[in-house]
C-alpha atoms as a PDB file:
ATOM      1  CA  MET A   1     204.011 135.961-116.659  1.00  0.00           C
ATOM      2  CA  ASN A   2     204.206 135.591-112.553  1.00  0.00           C
ATOM      3  CA  VAL A   3     203.980 133.404-109.826  1.00  0.00           C
ATOM      4  CA  LEU A   4     200.771 135.527-108.616  1.00  0.00           C
ATOM      5  CA  GLN A   5     199.430 135.991-112.035  1.00  0.00           C
ATOM      6  CA  ILE A   6     199.287 131.336-113.155  1.00  0.00           C
ATOM      7  CA  SER A   7     198.450 131.279-109.243  1.00  0.00           C
ATOM      8  CA  ILE A   8     195.191 133.074-110.070  1.00  0.00           C
ATOM      9  CA  ALA A   9     195.167 130.650-113.699  1.00  0.00           C
ATOM     10  CA  ALA A  10     195.177 128.158-111.775  1.00  0.00           C
ATOM     11  CA  MET A  11     192.210 128.734-109.116  1.00  0.00           C
ATOM     12  CA  PRO A  12     190.128 127.333-111.071  1.00  0.00           C
ATOM     13  CA  PHE A  13     191.483 123.880-110.958  1.00  0.00           C
ATOM     14  CA  LEU A  14     192.521 124.350-108.086  1.00  0.00           C
ATOM     15  CA  LEU A  15     189.195 125.195-106.236  1.00  0.00           C
ATOM     16  CA  SER A  16     187.777 122.210-109.158  1.00  0.00           C
ATOM     17  CA  LEU A  17     189.506 119.735-106.548  1.00  0.00           C
ATOM     18  CA  VAL A  18     187.434 120.373-103.723  1.00  0.00           C
ATOM     19  CA  SER A  19     184.181 118.918-105.416  1.00  0.00           C
ATOM     20  CA  ARG A  20     183.204 116.158-105.237  1.00  0.00           C
ATOM     21  CA  SER A  21     182.477 114.559-109.041  1.00  0.00           C
ATOM     22  CA  SER A  22     185.914 113.996-111.315  1.00  0.00           C
ATOM     23  CA  LYS A  23     184.301 115.458-113.946  1.00  0.00           C
ATOM     24  CA  ALA A  24     185.183 118.896-113.125  1.00  0.00           C
ATOM     25  CA  ILE A  25     188.140 118.541-112.564  1.00  0.00           C
ATOM     26  CA  VAL A  26     189.651 118.313-116.164  1.00  0.00           C
ATOM     27  CA  PRO A  27     187.490 121.215-118.135  1.00  0.00           C
ATOM     28  CA  CYS A  28     188.473 123.793-115.363  1.00  0.00           C
ATOM     29  CA  LEU A  29     192.870 122.440-115.936  1.00  0.00           C
ATOM     30  CA  VAL A  30     192.174 122.861-119.203  1.00  0.00           C
ATOM     31  CA  VAL A  31     191.044 126.580-118.923  1.00  0.00           C
ATOM     32  CA  GLY A  32     193.426 127.555-116.705  1.00  0.00           C
ATOM     33  CA  ILE A  33     196.208 126.422-119.771  1.00  0.00           C
ATOM     34  CA  PHE A  34     193.787 128.582-121.816  1.00  0.00           C
ATOM     35  CA  THR A  35     194.235 131.711-119.661  1.00  0.00           C
ATOM     36  CA  VAL A  36     197.831 131.027-119.419  1.00  0.00           C
ATOM     37  CA  LEU A  37     198.351 130.933-122.998  1.00  0.00           C
ATOM     38  CA  LEU A  38     196.078 134.226-123.633  1.00  0.00           C
ATOM     39  CA  GLY A  39     197.810 135.801-121.004  1.00  0.00           C
ATOM     40  CA  ASP A  40     199.076 138.459-123.540  1.00  0.00           C
ATOM     41  CA  ALA A  41     194.930 138.958-124.421  1.00  0.00           C
ATOM     42  CA  PRO A  42     193.374 140.053-121.263  1.00  0.00           C
ATOM     43  CA  PRO A  43     189.751 140.060-122.456  1.00  0.00           C
ATOM     44  CA  ARG A  44     189.973 136.082-123.571  1.00  0.00           C
ATOM     45  CA  ALA A  45     192.345 135.393-120.782  1.00  0.00           C
ATOM     46  CA  ALA A  46     189.330 137.037-118.271  1.00  0.00           C
ATOM     47  CA  MET A  47     186.872 135.262-120.304  1.00  0.00           C
ATOM     48  CA  ALA A  48     188.117 132.286-120.308  1.00  0.00           C
ATOM     49  CA  TRP A  49     189.303 132.194-116.413  1.00  0.00           C
ATOM     50  CA  CYS A  50     185.508 133.367-115.594  1.00  0.00           C
ATOM     51  CA  ILE A  51     184.167 130.603-117.748  1.00  0.00           C
ATOM     52  CA  GLY A  52     186.609 128.013-115.785  1.00  0.00           C
ATOM     53  CA  ILE A  53     185.179 129.738-111.999  1.00  0.00           C
ATOM     54  CA  LEU A  54     181.834 128.826-113.284  1.00  0.00           C
ATOM     55  CA  ILE A  55     182.671 125.367-113.691  1.00  0.00           C
ATOM     56  CA  ALA A  56     184.302 125.011-110.234  1.00  0.00           C
ATOM     57  CA  ALA A  57     181.494 127.186-108.453  1.00  0.00           C
ATOM     58  CA  VAL A  58     178.910 124.378-109.767  1.00  0.00           C
ATOM     59  CA  ALA A  59     180.644 121.531-108.990  1.00  0.00           C
ATOM     60  CA  VAL A  60     181.516 122.941-105.420  1.00  0.00           C
ATOM     61  CA  ARG A  61     178.325 123.757-104.576  1.00  0.00           C
ATOM     62  CA  GLU A  62     176.780 120.351-105.919  1.00  0.00           C
ATOM     63  CA  ARG A  63     179.559 119.032-102.900  1.00  0.00           C
ATOM     64  CA  LEU A  64     177.519 121.157-101.006  1.00  0.00           C
ATOM     65  CA  ARG A  65     174.596 120.303-101.371  1.00  0.00           C
ATOM     66  CA  ALA A  66     174.664 116.855-100.955  1.00  0.00           C
ATOM     67  CA  ILE A  67     176.846 117.771 -97.192  1.00  0.00           C
END
């Protein structure tokens, strides 16, 4: 994997750092690791990445609702 692919895989984790609570950080980190490990099987990696983005998006939405 090159640097661009790893940075895209880390996007859920980086997005979860913006969230108000720390409950979303660990699942997004685990999903990012699974995405990197499953890089040889693109459909599985994409599924893990989508789940991570979904978790992070909900956490960020809750952060924005609190403002």
